[in-house]
Amino acid sequence: MASLLYLLVILAIQGKSFAQSIAPLQTTEHPTERETVILSYKYDSQARSLHWYRQYPGSRPEFLLLVYESNSLLHAEPPFPRMNASVNKVEKHVHLEISSAAVTDSALYYCALESTNYERAHSLV
C-alpha cells in the first residue's frame, strides 16, 4: 500500500514591481507514493520562461527545470528524470509534473516567472 507523503507545500515567488504576479492554484498537495503529482501556478503577465525550484528543510533551493511559454524545456544538469513541465498560454497556467511520487519528493516547490517586460538600462556616454 502507498504511504502518505507529508505535505508538499508550494509557494509563489512574486515578480518585479510592475504588476506581474504568479500564485499557486493550490497551496498544498497530499499525494501517495507512486502517484503522479501536478503542481500548478497561475501567472498574469507575458512570461519569457517559468523556473521551478525545490527546497528541502535546512537546504538552499535547487533548480529543477525551466519551461518557456513555447513549452520547450531546459532541465537541470544532471536532470531530474521524473519531472516535467508545461505551460498553458491561454489560461496562463504552468504545471510541474512529478511522476511516481516518493517520500524524497516532500519539499517546498517554488515557481518563478521571468517576464518579457524588461527594464532597460540607459547609459550616458
Protein backbone atom coordinates (compact mmCIF):
# COMPACT_ATOMS: atom_id res chain seq x y z
CA MET A 1 0.00 0.00 0.00
CA ALA A 2 1.18 3.50 -0.77
CA SER A 3 2.02 5.51 2.30
CA LEU A 4 1.04 9.11 2.55
CA LEU A 5 3.69 11.67 1.74
CA TYR A 6 3.91 14.51 4.14
CA LEU A 7 2.65 17.81 2.88
CA LEU A 8 4.04 19.23 -0.34
CA VAL A 9 3.74 22.94 0.10
CA ILE A 10 4.09 25.27 -2.83
CA LEU A 11 4.80 28.94 -2.56
CA ALA A 12 4.94 31.73 -5.08
CA ILE A 13 7.87 34.00 -5.77
CA GLN A 14 6.47 37.36 -6.75
CA GLY A 15 7.74 39.09 -9.86
CA LYS A 16 9.15 42.61 -10.08
CA SER A 17 7.09 45.61 -9.13
CA PHE A 18 5.38 46.25 -12.46
CA ALA A 19 2.14 44.42 -11.63
CA GLN A 20 3.08 40.90 -12.56
CA SER A 21 2.36 38.04 -10.23
CA ILE A 22 2.44 34.28 -10.01
CA ALA A 23 0.47 32.26 -7.48
CA PRO A 24 -0.23 28.59 -6.80
CA LEU A 25 -3.63 27.20 -7.78
CA GLN A 26 -3.45 25.05 -4.62
CA THR A 27 -1.13 25.66 -1.68
CA THR A 28 -0.80 22.04 -0.53
CA GLU A 29 -0.89 18.56 -2.03
CA HIS A 30 -1.38 15.24 -0.22
CA PRO A 31 -0.21 12.59 -2.69
CA THR A 32 0.55 8.96 -2.04
CA GLU A 33 3.70 7.19 -3.16
CA ARG A 34 3.96 6.21 -6.84
CA GLU A 35 1.18 8.66 -7.71
CA THR A 36 1.70 11.38 -10.32
CA VAL A 37 1.56 14.83 -8.73
CA ILE A 38 0.90 18.01 -10.69
CA LEU A 39 1.75 21.37 -9.09
CA SER A 40 0.16 24.33 -10.88
CA TYR A 41 0.60 28.10 -10.79
CA LYS A 42 -1.31 30.91 -12.48
CA TYR A 43 0.53 33.98 -13.75
CA ASP A 44 -0.89 37.25 -15.03
CA SER A 45 1.66 38.67 -17.45
CA GLN A 46 3.63 37.63 -20.51
CA ALA A 47 6.25 35.13 -19.44
CA ARG A 48 9.52 34.52 -21.22
CA SER A 49 10.16 31.50 -19.01
CA LEU A 50 8.99 29.91 -15.76
CA HIS A 51 11.58 28.39 -13.42
CA TRP A 52 10.91 25.53 -11.00
CA TYR A 53 12.90 25.03 -7.78
CA ARG A 54 12.72 22.57 -4.89
CA GLN A 55 13.88 23.24 -1.33
CA TYR A 56 14.39 20.68 1.42
CA PRO A 57 14.33 21.84 5.07
CA GLY A 58 17.66 23.42 6.05
CA SER A 59 18.92 23.48 2.45
CA ARG A 60 19.10 26.08 -0.28
CA PRO A 61 16.65 25.91 -3.22
CA GLU A 62 17.81 23.72 -6.10
CA PHE A 63 16.98 24.41 -9.74
CA LEU A 64 14.83 21.69 -11.32
CA LEU A 65 13.98 22.99 -14.77
CA LEU A 66 12.62 25.90 -16.70
CA VAL A 67 9.87 25.92 -19.26
CA TYR A 68 9.41 28.56 -21.94
CA GLU A 69 5.95 29.76 -22.97
CA SER A 70 6.56 27.80 -26.19
CA ASN A 71 6.69 24.66 -23.96
CA SER A 72 10.35 23.94 -24.69
CA LEU A 73 12.24 22.78 -21.60
CA LEU A 74 15.68 23.29 -20.12
CA HIS A 75 16.47 20.67 -17.47
CA ALA A 76 18.96 20.96 -14.63
CA GLU A 77 22.31 19.18 -15.00
CA PRO A 78 22.04 16.42 -14.07
CA PRO A 79 18.32 16.28 -14.91
CA PHE A 80 15.58 15.07 -12.58
CA PRO A 81 14.09 12.29 -14.75
CA ARG A 82 10.66 12.09 -13.07
CA MET A 83 9.96 15.80 -13.51
CA ASN A 84 8.37 17.51 -16.48
CA ALA A 85 6.73 20.90 -17.00
CA SER A 86 4.26 22.51 -19.37
CA VAL A 87 2.61 25.88 -19.96
CA ASN A 88 -0.96 26.70 -20.98
CA LYS A 89 -0.57 30.15 -22.58
CA VAL A 90 -4.33 30.67 -22.95
CA GLU A 91 -5.13 30.12 -19.26
CA LYS A 92 -1.68 31.35 -18.17
CA HIS A 93 -1.02 28.25 -16.09
CA VAL A 94 2.29 26.47 -15.60
CA HIS A 95 2.46 22.89 -14.37
CA LEU A 96 5.20 20.78 -12.79
CA GLU A 97 4.53 17.05 -13.09
CA ILE A 98 6.29 14.67 -10.71
CA SER A 99 5.75 11.07 -11.79
CA SER A 100 5.94 8.17 -9.33
CA ALA A 101 5.98 10.44 -6.27
CA ALA A 102 8.23 9.30 -3.45
CA VAL A 103 8.77 10.39 0.15
CA THR A 104 12.02 12.02 -1.03
CA ASP A 105 9.91 14.44 -3.13
CA SER A 106 8.46 16.01 0.04
CA ALA A 107 9.75 19.59 -0.07
CA LEU A 108 8.82 23.18 -0.83
CA TYR A 109 8.39 23.80 -4.56
CA TYR A 110 8.81 27.29 -5.98
CA CYS A 111 7.95 28.69 -9.36
CA ALA A 112 9.47 31.97 -10.55
CA LEU A 113 8.41 33.96 -13.59
CA GLU A 114 10.81 35.67 -15.97
CA SER A 115 8.81 38.36 -17.72
CA THR A 116 9.10 39.54 -21.30
CA ASN A 117 8.90 43.08 -19.89
CA TYR A 118 12.44 44.19 -19.20
CA GLU A 119 13.57 47.40 -17.58
CA ARG A 120 16.05 48.97 -19.92
CA ALA A 121 19.30 50.31 -18.57
CA HIS A 122 20.44 53.58 -20.10
CA SER A 123 24.00 54.80 -20.03
CA LEU A 124 25.33 58.22 -20.81
CA VAL A 125 28.47 58.37 -22.91
